[in-house]
Amino acid sequence: MTIHDDLPPLCVCNCGQFVERSKVSKKWNKYLHGHSSKHNTSKNGQFTAGNKHGKGRPAGSRNKVSINAMNLMKDEEQALSRKAIDSALNGNTQMLQFCLSRLLPPPPKDTPIRLSDMPVCNDIKSSVALSSFILKEMSEGNLTVSQAHLISGIVEKHLRCLQLTDVEQRLEDIEARLEKVG
């Protein structure tokens, strides 16, 4: 009798972990619960990456069902298109929505905003004039609330840059004064 007779056997997948007894047959299992017999695990019990049987189907390639469906409708595109348009014109709202979604481009997510006489924000003091201008344009209906909010956010970021530049300039002035004194 050896020292290791009382220890359970190791998992066959070479993960280094001990297996447990089966609750039904009371025999030792060959594999740790969750490990497979295909040896697709590494020594630390993690599954190995990759497909050992090949690269698989290339990206963008079609499966057999899609290819067969395309071959069936190969000569019928014009007739099917005409039938869809006729159905839409006869009041089928779902077909109308489908046809319009294919014909009309989606609405633009953001449109350019043209604001004449917009004040330039060169320093911190001029940012107040720019904020007032944005509020005035919004109240007159030239800007929507979301557009005004977006522009205000951009102005705020620009204002932070100006403030940081101002603090940096003041720090350089203080360091220059200290060098003259010291």
N, C-alpha and C. Protein backbone atom coordinates (compact mmCIF):
# COMPACT_ATOMS: atom_id res chain seq x y z
N MET A 1 0.85 -1.18 0.00
CA MET A 1 0.00 0.00 0.00
C MET A 1 0.89 1.24 0.00
N THR A 2 0.59 2.16 -0.93
CA THR A 2 1.38 3.38 -1.03
C THR A 2 0.70 4.50 -0.29
N ILE A 3 1.39 5.61 -0.20
CA ILE A 3 0.87 6.77 0.51
C ILE A 3 -0.35 7.35 -0.20
N HIS A 4 -0.39 7.24 -1.54
CA HIS A 4 -1.44 7.89 -2.33
C HIS A 4 -2.66 7.03 -2.57
N ASP A 5 -2.77 5.89 -1.93
CA ASP A 5 -3.93 5.03 -2.17
C ASP A 5 -5.22 5.64 -1.64
N ASP A 6 -5.14 6.47 -0.61
CA ASP A 6 -6.35 7.04 -0.06
C ASP A 6 -6.81 8.29 -0.83
N LEU A 7 -5.98 8.81 -1.76
CA LEU A 7 -6.35 9.99 -2.55
C LEU A 7 -7.16 9.57 -3.76
N PRO A 8 -8.12 10.40 -4.18
CA PRO A 8 -8.87 10.07 -5.39
C PRO A 8 -7.97 10.21 -6.62
N PRO A 9 -8.31 9.55 -7.72
CA PRO A 9 -7.49 9.65 -8.94
C PRO A 9 -7.59 11.04 -9.57
N LEU A 10 -6.59 11.33 -10.41
CA LEU A 10 -6.57 12.60 -11.12
C LEU A 10 -7.47 12.54 -12.34
N CYS A 11 -7.93 13.70 -12.77
CA CYS A 11 -8.76 13.83 -13.98
C CYS A 11 -7.94 13.39 -15.18
N VAL A 12 -8.54 12.67 -16.11
CA VAL A 12 -7.85 12.13 -17.28
C VAL A 12 -7.40 13.23 -18.24
N CYS A 13 -7.99 14.42 -18.17
CA CYS A 13 -7.64 15.49 -19.11
C CYS A 13 -6.33 16.17 -18.74
N ASN A 14 -5.64 15.68 -17.70
CA ASN A 14 -4.35 16.22 -17.26
C ASN A 14 -4.44 17.64 -16.72
N CYS A 15 -5.57 17.97 -16.11
CA CYS A 15 -5.70 19.30 -15.52
C CYS A 15 -5.05 19.36 -14.14
N GLY A 16 -4.73 18.18 -13.55
CA GLY A 16 -4.07 18.14 -12.25
C GLY A 16 -5.03 18.16 -11.08
N GLN A 17 -6.32 18.06 -11.33
CA GLN A 17 -7.30 18.10 -10.25
C GLN A 17 -7.85 16.70 -10.00
N PHE A 18 -8.29 16.47 -8.78
CA PHE A 18 -8.81 15.17 -8.41
C PHE A 18 -10.28 15.06 -8.80
N VAL A 19 -10.70 13.85 -9.18
CA VAL A 19 -12.09 13.62 -9.55
C VAL A 19 -12.87 13.17 -8.32
N GLU A 20 -14.17 13.05 -8.46
CA GLU A 20 -15.04 12.63 -7.37
C GLU A 20 -15.72 11.33 -7.74
N ARG A 21 -16.33 10.70 -6.75
CA ARG A 21 -17.08 9.47 -7.02
C ARG A 21 -18.43 9.82 -7.62
N SER A 22 -18.91 8.97 -8.50
CA SER A 22 -20.23 9.12 -9.07
C SER A 22 -21.26 8.87 -7.98
N LYS A 23 -22.30 9.66 -7.93
CA LYS A 23 -23.33 9.50 -6.90
C LYS A 23 -24.22 8.30 -7.19
N VAL A 24 -24.27 7.90 -8.46
CA VAL A 24 -25.14 6.79 -8.84
C VAL A 24 -24.40 5.46 -8.70
N SER A 25 -23.25 5.33 -9.37
CA SER A 25 -22.54 4.04 -9.40
C SER A 25 -21.50 3.91 -8.29
N LYS A 26 -21.19 4.99 -7.59
CA LYS A 26 -20.19 5.03 -6.52
C LYS A 26 -18.78 4.70 -7.01
N LYS A 27 -18.55 4.76 -8.33
CA LYS A 27 -17.21 4.54 -8.90
C LYS A 27 -16.55 5.89 -9.12
N TRP A 28 -15.23 5.87 -9.25
CA TRP A 28 -14.50 7.11 -9.53
C TRP A 28 -14.78 7.55 -10.95
N ASN A 29 -15.06 8.82 -11.14
CA ASN A 29 -15.24 9.38 -12.48
C ASN A 29 -13.88 9.51 -13.16
N LYS A 30 -13.87 9.47 -14.49
CA LYS A 30 -12.62 9.67 -15.23
C LYS A 30 -12.28 11.15 -15.33
N TYR A 31 -13.31 12.01 -15.44
CA TYR A 31 -13.12 13.43 -15.67
C TYR A 31 -13.74 14.22 -14.53
N LEU A 32 -13.16 15.33 -14.24
CA LEU A 32 -13.73 16.26 -13.28
C LEU A 32 -15.03 16.80 -13.87
N HIS A 33 -16.01 17.08 -13.03
CA HIS A 33 -17.30 17.57 -13.52
C HIS A 33 -17.12 18.84 -14.36
N GLY A 34 -17.61 18.82 -15.60
CA GLY A 34 -17.49 19.96 -16.49
C GLY A 34 -16.39 19.79 -17.52
N HIS A 35 -15.49 18.84 -17.31
CA HIS A 35 -14.44 18.59 -18.30
C HIS A 35 -14.96 17.60 -19.32
N SER A 36 -14.48 17.69 -20.53
CA SER A 36 -14.97 16.80 -21.57
C SER A 36 -13.90 15.81 -21.97
N SER A 37 -14.32 14.78 -22.63
CA SER A 37 -13.39 13.74 -23.06
C SER A 37 -12.64 14.11 -24.32
N LYS A 38 -12.90 15.27 -24.88
CA LYS A 38 -12.25 15.67 -26.13
C LYS A 38 -10.91 16.32 -25.88
N HIS A 39 -10.48 16.41 -24.63
CA HIS A 39 -9.18 16.98 -24.27
C HIS A 39 -9.03 18.40 -24.79
N ASN A 40 -10.07 19.21 -24.65
CA ASN A 40 -10.00 20.59 -25.11
C ASN A 40 -9.71 21.55 -23.96
N THR A 41 -9.12 21.03 -22.91
CA THR A 41 -8.74 21.89 -21.80
C THR A 41 -7.23 21.88 -21.65
N SER A 42 -6.71 22.97 -21.12
CA SER A 42 -5.27 23.06 -20.89
C SER A 42 -4.97 22.50 -19.50
N LYS A 43 -3.72 22.58 -19.07
CA LYS A 43 -3.32 22.01 -17.80
C LYS A 43 -3.96 22.70 -16.61
N ASN A 44 -4.35 23.97 -16.75
CA ASN A 44 -4.96 24.68 -15.63
C ASN A 44 -6.48 24.56 -15.62
N GLY A 45 -7.05 23.69 -16.46
CA GLY A 45 -8.48 23.47 -16.46
C GLY A 45 -9.26 24.42 -17.35
N GLN A 46 -8.58 25.38 -17.98
CA GLN A 46 -9.26 26.34 -18.86
C GLN A 46 -9.37 25.73 -20.26
N PHE A 47 -10.44 26.09 -20.97
CA PHE A 47 -10.59 25.61 -22.33
C PHE A 47 -9.56 26.27 -23.24
N THR A 48 -9.00 25.51 -24.16
CA THR A 48 -8.02 26.06 -25.08
C THR A 48 -8.73 26.82 -26.18
N ALA A 49 -8.10 27.87 -26.66
CA ALA A 49 -8.69 28.72 -27.69
C ALA A 49 -8.51 28.10 -29.06
N GLY A 50 -9.40 28.44 -29.95
CA GLY A 50 -9.23 28.04 -31.34
C GLY A 50 -10.10 26.87 -31.74
N ASN A 51 -10.20 26.68 -33.03
CA ASN A 51 -10.95 25.58 -33.60
C ASN A 51 -9.94 24.63 -34.22
N LYS A 52 -9.78 23.45 -33.63
CA LYS A 52 -8.75 22.53 -34.11
C LYS A 52 -9.15 21.82 -35.41
N HIS A 53 -10.40 21.96 -35.83
CA HIS A 53 -10.86 21.28 -37.04
C HIS A 53 -10.79 22.15 -38.29
N GLY A 54 -10.36 23.37 -38.17
CA GLY A 54 -10.26 24.25 -39.33
C GLY A 54 -10.69 25.65 -38.97
N LYS A 55 -10.59 26.54 -39.95
CA LYS A 55 -10.90 27.95 -39.71
C LYS A 55 -12.39 28.22 -39.71
N GLY A 56 -13.20 27.32 -40.24
CA GLY A 56 -14.63 27.58 -40.33
C GLY A 56 -14.96 28.33 -41.61
N ARG A 57 -16.21 28.74 -41.71
CA ARG A 57 -16.66 29.43 -42.92
C ARG A 57 -16.10 30.84 -42.92
N PRO A 58 -15.64 31.34 -44.07
CA PRO A 58 -15.09 32.71 -44.13
C PRO A 58 -16.15 33.75 -43.79
N ALA A 59 -15.70 34.85 -43.23
CA ALA A 59 -16.61 35.94 -42.87
C ALA A 59 -17.31 36.47 -44.11
N GLY A 60 -18.61 36.68 -44.01
CA GLY A 60 -19.38 37.21 -45.12
C GLY A 60 -19.91 36.16 -46.08
N SER A 61 -19.49 34.92 -45.93
CA SER A 61 -19.99 33.88 -46.84
C SER A 61 -21.40 33.48 -46.43
N ARG A 62 -22.16 32.99 -47.37
CA ARG A 62 -23.56 32.65 -47.12
C ARG A 62 -23.68 31.15 -46.87
N ASN A 63 -24.70 30.79 -46.07
CA ASN A 63 -24.93 29.36 -45.84
C ASN A 63 -25.76 28.79 -46.99
N LYS A 64 -25.97 27.48 -46.96
CA LYS A 64 -26.64 26.80 -48.07
C LYS A 64 -28.09 27.26 -48.24
N VAL A 65 -28.79 27.53 -47.15
CA VAL A 65 -30.19 27.95 -47.23
C VAL A 65 -30.30 29.30 -47.93
N SER A 66 -29.42 30.24 -47.57
CA SER A 66 -29.45 31.56 -48.21
C SER A 66 -29.12 31.46 -49.70
N ILE A 67 -28.16 30.63 -50.04
CA ILE A 67 -27.79 30.46 -51.46
C ILE A 67 -28.95 29.86 -52.24
N ASN A 68 -29.62 28.85 -51.68
CA ASN A 68 -30.75 28.23 -52.37
C ASN A 68 -31.91 29.21 -52.52
N ALA A 69 -32.17 30.02 -51.50
CA ALA A 69 -33.25 31.01 -51.58
C ALA A 69 -32.94 32.04 -52.65
N MET A 70 -31.68 32.47 -52.73
CA MET A 70 -31.31 33.44 -53.76
C MET A 70 -31.46 32.84 -55.16
N ASN A 71 -31.10 31.57 -55.32
CA ASN A 71 -31.22 30.92 -56.62
C ASN A 71 -32.68 30.75 -57.03
N LEU A 72 -33.56 30.51 -56.06
CA LEU A 72 -34.98 30.36 -56.37
C LEU A 72 -35.59 31.66 -56.89
N MET A 73 -35.17 32.78 -56.33
CA MET A 73 -35.76 34.08 -56.69
C MET A 73 -34.94 34.80 -57.76
N LYS A 74 -33.98 34.14 -58.34
CA LYS A 74 -33.06 34.79 -59.27
C LYS A 74 -33.76 35.53 -60.41
N ASP A 75 -34.72 34.92 -61.04
CA ASP A 75 -35.37 35.54 -62.20
C ASP A 75 -36.67 36.25 -61.84
N GLU A 76 -37.02 36.29 -60.57
CA GLU A 76 -38.31 36.84 -60.16
C GLU A 76 -38.20 38.18 -59.42
N GLU A 77 -37.04 38.81 -59.40
CA GLU A 77 -36.88 40.04 -58.62
C GLU A 77 -37.84 41.14 -59.09
N GLN A 78 -37.93 41.35 -60.38
CA GLN A 78 -38.79 42.42 -60.90
C GLN A 78 -40.26 42.16 -60.61
N ALA A 79 -40.69 40.93 -60.76
CA ALA A 79 -42.10 40.60 -60.50
C ALA A 79 -42.42 40.77 -59.02
N LEU A 80 -41.52 40.32 -58.17
CA LEU A 80 -41.75 40.46 -56.72
C LEU A 80 -41.74 41.93 -56.31
N SER A 81 -40.84 42.71 -56.87
CA SER A 81 -40.79 44.14 -56.56
C SER A 81 -42.07 44.83 -57.00
N ARG A 82 -42.53 44.52 -58.18
CA ARG A 82 -43.77 45.11 -58.69
C ARG A 82 -44.95 44.74 -57.81
N LYS A 83 -45.02 43.48 -57.36
CA LYS A 83 -46.11 43.01 -56.49
C LYS A 83 -46.07 43.74 -55.14
N ALA A 84 -44.87 43.96 -54.59
CA ALA A 84 -44.72 44.66 -53.31
C ALA A 84 -45.18 46.11 -53.46
N ILE A 85 -44.81 46.75 -54.55
CA ILE A 85 -45.21 48.14 -54.76
C ILE A 85 -46.71 48.25 -54.97
N ASP A 86 -47.30 47.32 -55.75
CA ASP A 86 -48.75 47.33 -55.96
C ASP A 86 -49.49 47.12 -54.65
N SER A 87 -48.98 46.22 -53.81
CA SER A 87 -49.61 45.97 -52.51
C SER A 87 -49.54 47.21 -51.62
N ALA A 88 -48.41 47.91 -51.66
CA ALA A 88 -48.26 49.13 -50.88
C ALA A 88 -49.21 50.21 -51.37
N LEU A 89 -49.35 50.33 -52.69
CA LEU A 89 -50.25 51.34 -53.26
C LEU A 89 -51.72 51.01 -53.01
N ASN A 90 -52.04 49.74 -52.80
CA ASN A 90 -53.43 49.34 -52.54
C ASN A 90 -53.80 49.43 -51.07
N GLY A 91 -52.91 49.95 -50.23
CA GLY A 91 -53.27 50.20 -48.84
C GLY A 91 -52.64 49.28 -47.81
N ASN A 92 -51.77 48.39 -48.20
CA ASN A 92 -51.09 47.53 -47.22
C ASN A 92 -50.03 48.38 -46.52
N THR A 93 -50.34 48.78 -45.29
CA THR A 93 -49.46 49.73 -44.60
C THR A 93 -48.10 49.13 -44.25
N GLN A 94 -48.04 47.84 -43.95
CA GLN A 94 -46.76 47.23 -43.65
C GLN A 94 -45.86 47.21 -44.88
N MET A 95 -46.44 46.90 -46.03
CA MET A 95 -45.66 46.89 -47.27
C MET A 95 -45.26 48.31 -47.65
N LEU A 96 -46.13 49.28 -47.39
CA LEU A 96 -45.79 50.68 -47.65
C LEU A 96 -44.60 51.11 -46.79
N GLN A 97 -44.65 50.74 -45.52
CA GLN A 97 -43.54 51.07 -44.62
C GLN A 97 -42.26 50.40 -45.09
N PHE A 98 -42.34 49.15 -45.52
CA PHE A 98 -41.17 48.43 -46.00
C PHE A 98 -40.58 49.12 -47.25
N CYS A 99 -41.45 49.45 -48.20
CA CYS A 99 -40.97 50.09 -49.43
C CYS A 99 -40.35 51.45 -49.16
N LEU A 100 -40.98 52.24 -48.30
CA LEU A 100 -40.44 53.56 -48.00
C LEU A 100 -39.12 53.47 -47.23
N SER A 101 -38.99 52.46 -46.37
CA SER A 101 -37.74 52.33 -45.63
C SER A 101 -36.59 51.97 -46.55
N ARG A 102 -36.89 51.33 -47.68
CA ARG A 102 -35.84 50.97 -48.63
C ARG A 102 -35.55 52.10 -49.63
N LEU A 103 -36.55 52.95 -49.89
CA LEU A 103 -36.38 54.00 -50.89
C LEU A 103 -35.85 55.30 -50.32
N LEU A 104 -36.34 55.68 -49.13
CA LEU A 104 -35.97 56.97 -48.55
C LEU A 104 -34.77 56.80 -47.62
N PRO A 105 -33.82 57.70 -47.68
CA PRO A 105 -32.68 57.61 -46.76
C PRO A 105 -33.13 57.96 -45.34
N PRO A 106 -32.45 57.44 -44.34
CA PRO A 106 -32.82 57.80 -42.96
C PRO A 106 -32.57 59.28 -42.70
N PRO A 107 -33.32 59.88 -41.80
CA PRO A 107 -33.11 61.31 -41.54
C PRO A 107 -31.71 61.53 -40.94
N PRO A 108 -31.12 62.68 -41.23
CA PRO A 108 -29.77 62.93 -40.71
C PRO A 108 -29.81 63.03 -39.19
N LYS A 109 -28.77 62.49 -38.55
CA LYS A 109 -28.73 62.51 -37.09
C LYS A 109 -28.43 63.90 -36.56
N ASP A 110 -27.60 64.63 -37.24
CA ASP A 110 -27.33 66.00 -36.82
C ASP A 110 -27.14 66.85 -38.07
N THR A 111 -27.75 68.00 -38.02
CA THR A 111 -27.66 68.91 -39.15
C THR A 111 -26.78 70.09 -38.77
N PRO A 112 -26.07 70.65 -39.74
CA PRO A 112 -25.24 71.80 -39.41
C PRO A 112 -26.09 73.00 -38.97
N ILE A 113 -25.57 73.73 -38.01
CA ILE A 113 -26.27 74.90 -37.49
C ILE A 113 -25.52 76.14 -37.94
N ARG A 114 -26.23 77.05 -38.60
CA ARG A 114 -25.61 78.28 -39.07
C ARG A 114 -26.12 79.43 -38.21
N LEU A 115 -25.22 80.02 -37.47
CA LEU A 115 -25.57 81.15 -36.59
C LEU A 115 -24.77 82.36 -37.03
N SER A 116 -25.48 83.39 -37.50
CA SER A 116 -24.77 84.61 -37.89
C SER A 116 -24.57 85.48 -36.66
N ASP A 117 -23.53 86.25 -36.67
CA ASP A 117 -23.19 87.18 -35.59
C ASP A 117 -22.91 86.49 -34.26
N MET A 118 -22.41 85.27 -34.31
CA MET A 118 -22.07 84.56 -33.08
C MET A 118 -20.78 85.16 -32.52
N PRO A 119 -20.79 85.59 -31.24
CA PRO A 119 -19.58 86.21 -30.68
C PRO A 119 -18.45 85.18 -30.53
N VAL A 120 -17.23 85.66 -30.66
CA VAL A 120 -16.06 84.81 -30.53
C VAL A 120 -15.67 84.78 -29.06
N CYS A 121 -15.30 83.61 -28.59
CA CYS A 121 -14.94 83.43 -27.19
C CYS A 121 -13.42 83.29 -27.10
N ASN A 122 -12.74 84.43 -26.90
CA ASN A 122 -11.28 84.43 -26.81
C ASN A 122 -10.77 84.41 -25.38
N ASP A 123 -11.60 84.83 -24.44
CA ASP A 123 -11.18 84.84 -23.04
C ASP A 123 -12.38 84.49 -22.17
N ILE A 124 -12.15 84.40 -20.89
CA ILE A 124 -13.20 83.98 -19.97
C ILE A 124 -14.35 84.99 -19.92
N LYS A 125 -14.04 86.25 -20.02
CA LYS A 125 -15.08 87.29 -19.94
C LYS A 125 -16.02 87.24 -21.15
N SER A 126 -15.50 86.91 -22.34
CA SER A 126 -16.34 86.88 -23.53
C SER A 126 -17.26 85.66 -23.57
N SER A 127 -17.04 84.68 -22.68
CA SER A 127 -17.91 83.50 -22.65
C SER A 127 -19.31 83.86 -22.18
N VAL A 128 -19.44 84.91 -21.37
CA VAL A 128 -20.76 85.36 -20.93
C VAL A 128 -21.57 85.87 -22.11
N ALA A 129 -20.93 86.61 -23.00
CA ALA A 129 -21.62 87.11 -24.20
C ALA A 129 -22.06 85.95 -25.09
N LEU A 130 -21.21 84.92 -25.20
CA LEU A 130 -21.55 83.76 -26.02
C LEU A 130 -22.73 82.99 -25.41
N SER A 131 -22.74 82.82 -24.10
CA SER A 131 -23.87 82.14 -23.44
C SER A 131 -25.16 82.93 -23.62
N SER A 132 -25.08 84.23 -23.51
CA SER A 132 -26.27 85.08 -23.72
C SER A 132 -26.77 84.96 -25.15
N PHE A 133 -25.86 84.89 -26.10
CA PHE A 133 -26.23 84.73 -27.51
C PHE A 133 -26.97 83.40 -27.73
N ILE A 134 -26.47 82.32 -27.11
CA ILE A 134 -27.11 81.01 -27.26
C ILE A 134 -28.52 81.05 -26.68
N LEU A 135 -28.69 81.66 -25.51
CA LEU A 135 -30.01 81.77 -24.91
C LEU A 135 -30.96 82.59 -25.78
N LYS A 136 -30.46 83.67 -26.37
CA LYS A 136 -31.29 84.51 -27.22
C LYS A 136 -31.73 83.75 -28.47
N GLU A 137 -30.79 83.02 -29.11
CA GLU A 137 -31.13 82.24 -30.30
C GLU A 137 -32.15 81.15 -29.98
N MET A 138 -32.02 80.53 -28.82
CA MET A 138 -32.97 79.49 -28.43
C MET A 138 -34.35 80.11 -28.17
N SER A 139 -34.39 81.25 -27.52
CA SER A 139 -35.69 81.88 -27.22
C SER A 139 -36.37 82.39 -28.48
N GLU A 140 -35.60 82.74 -29.50
CA GLU A 140 -36.18 83.20 -30.77
C GLU A 140 -36.58 82.04 -31.67
N GLY A 141 -36.23 80.82 -31.30
CA GLY A 141 -36.62 79.66 -32.10
C GLY A 141 -35.61 79.28 -33.17
N ASN A 142 -34.43 79.89 -33.17
CA ASN A 142 -33.40 79.54 -34.15
C ASN A 142 -32.65 78.28 -33.76
N LEU A 143 -32.69 77.92 -32.48
CA LEU A 143 -32.05 76.71 -31.98
C LEU A 143 -33.06 75.91 -31.17
N THR A 144 -32.99 74.59 -31.30
CA THR A 144 -33.80 73.75 -30.43
C THR A 144 -33.12 73.64 -29.07
N VAL A 145 -33.83 73.11 -28.11
CA VAL A 145 -33.26 72.97 -26.77
C VAL A 145 -32.06 72.03 -26.80
N SER A 146 -32.17 70.93 -27.55
CA SER A 146 -31.06 69.98 -27.61
C SER A 146 -29.85 70.60 -28.32
N GLN A 147 -30.09 71.39 -29.37
CA GLN A 147 -28.97 72.05 -30.05
C GLN A 147 -28.30 73.07 -29.13
N ALA A 148 -29.11 73.83 -28.39
CA ALA A 148 -28.55 74.81 -27.46
C ALA A 148 -27.75 74.11 -26.36
N HIS A 149 -28.25 72.99 -25.89
CA HIS A 149 -27.55 72.22 -24.86
C HIS A 149 -26.22 71.72 -25.40
N LEU A 150 -26.21 71.22 -26.63
CA LEU A 150 -24.98 70.73 -27.25
C LEU A 150 -23.96 71.85 -27.42
N ILE A 151 -24.40 73.00 -27.91
CA ILE A 151 -23.49 74.14 -28.11
C ILE A 151 -22.97 74.64 -26.77
N SER A 152 -23.85 74.68 -25.76
CA SER A 152 -23.42 75.12 -24.43
C SER A 152 -22.36 74.19 -23.86
N GLY A 153 -22.50 72.90 -24.10
CA GLY A 153 -21.48 71.95 -23.65
C GLY A 153 -20.14 72.19 -24.32
N ILE A 154 -20.17 72.50 -25.61
CA ILE A 154 -18.93 72.79 -26.33
C ILE A 154 -18.30 74.08 -25.80
N VAL A 155 -19.15 75.08 -25.54
CA VAL A 155 -18.65 76.35 -24.98
C VAL A 155 -18.04 76.10 -23.61
N GLU A 156 -18.67 75.26 -22.80
CA GLU A 156 -18.15 74.96 -21.47
C GLU A 156 -16.77 74.29 -21.55
N LYS A 157 -16.60 73.37 -22.47
CA LYS A 157 -15.28 72.72 -22.64
C LYS A 157 -14.24 73.73 -23.10
N HIS A 158 -14.64 74.61 -24.00
CA HIS A 158 -13.71 75.65 -24.46
C HIS A 158 -13.35 76.58 -23.31
N LEU A 159 -14.33 76.89 -22.46
CA LEU A 159 -14.08 77.75 -21.30
C LEU A 159 -13.09 77.08 -20.34
N ARG A 160 -13.23 75.78 -20.13
CA ARG A 160 -12.26 75.06 -19.28
C ARG A 160 -10.86 75.13 -19.85
N CYS A 161 -10.74 75.02 -21.16
CA CYS A 161 -9.42 75.14 -21.81
C CYS A 161 -8.84 76.54 -21.58
N LEU A 162 -9.68 77.56 -21.72
CA LEU A 162 -9.22 78.92 -21.49
C LEU A 162 -8.79 79.13 -20.04
N GLN A 163 -9.56 78.56 -19.10
CA GLN A 163 -9.20 78.68 -17.69
C GLN A 163 -7.88 77.98 -17.40
N LEU A 164 -7.69 76.82 -17.96
CA LEU A 164 -6.45 76.07 -17.76
C LEU A 164 -5.26 76.83 -18.34
N THR A 165 -5.47 77.44 -19.50
CA THR A 165 -4.40 78.24 -20.11
C THR A 165 -4.07 79.44 -19.23
N ASP A 166 -5.11 80.08 -18.65
CA ASP A 166 -4.91 81.22 -17.77
C ASP A 166 -4.14 80.82 -16.51
N VAL A 167 -4.50 79.68 -15.91
CA VAL A 167 -3.81 79.20 -14.71
C VAL A 167 -2.35 78.86 -15.04
N GLU A 168 -2.13 78.25 -16.18
CA GLU A 168 -0.77 77.91 -16.60
C GLU A 168 0.08 79.17 -16.79
N GLN A 169 -0.50 80.19 -17.38
CA GLN A 169 0.23 81.45 -17.59
C GLN A 169 0.56 82.10 -16.25
N ARG A 170 -0.38 82.10 -15.32
CA ARG A 170 -0.13 82.68 -13.99
C ARG A 170 0.97 81.91 -13.26
N LEU A 171 0.97 80.60 -13.38
CA LEU A 171 1.98 79.78 -12.74
C LEU A 171 3.37 80.08 -13.30
N GLU A 172 3.44 80.23 -14.62
CA GLU A 172 4.73 80.58 -15.24
C GLU A 172 5.21 81.95 -14.77
N ASP A 173 4.30 82.90 -14.61
CA ASP A 173 4.67 84.24 -14.10
C ASP A 173 5.21 84.15 -12.67
N ILE A 174 4.55 83.35 -11.83
CA ILE A 174 5.01 83.20 -10.44
C ILE A 174 6.38 82.54 -10.39
N GLU A 175 6.59 81.50 -11.20
CA GLU A 175 7.89 80.83 -11.23
C GLU A 175 8.98 81.77 -11.72
N ALA A 176 8.66 82.63 -12.70
CA ALA A 176 9.65 83.60 -13.20
C ALA A 176 10.01 84.61 -12.10
N ARG A 177 9.03 85.07 -11.32
CA ARG A 177 9.28 86.00 -10.22
C ARG A 177 10.14 85.35 -9.13
N LEU A 178 9.86 84.07 -8.84
CA LEU A 178 10.62 83.37 -7.80
C LEU A 178 12.09 83.18 -8.23
N GLU A 179 12.32 82.95 -9.50
CA GLU A 179 13.69 82.77 -9.99
C GLU A 179 14.46 84.09 -9.88
N LYS A 180 13.79 85.22 -10.11
CA LYS A 180 14.46 86.52 -10.00
C LYS A 180 14.80 86.83 -8.55
N VAL A 181 13.89 86.46 -7.63
CA VAL A 181 14.11 86.73 -6.21
C VAL A 181 15.19 85.80 -5.65
N GLY A 182 15.14 84.53 -6.01
CA GLY A 182 16.04 83.51 -5.45
C GLY A 182 17.38 83.57 -6.02
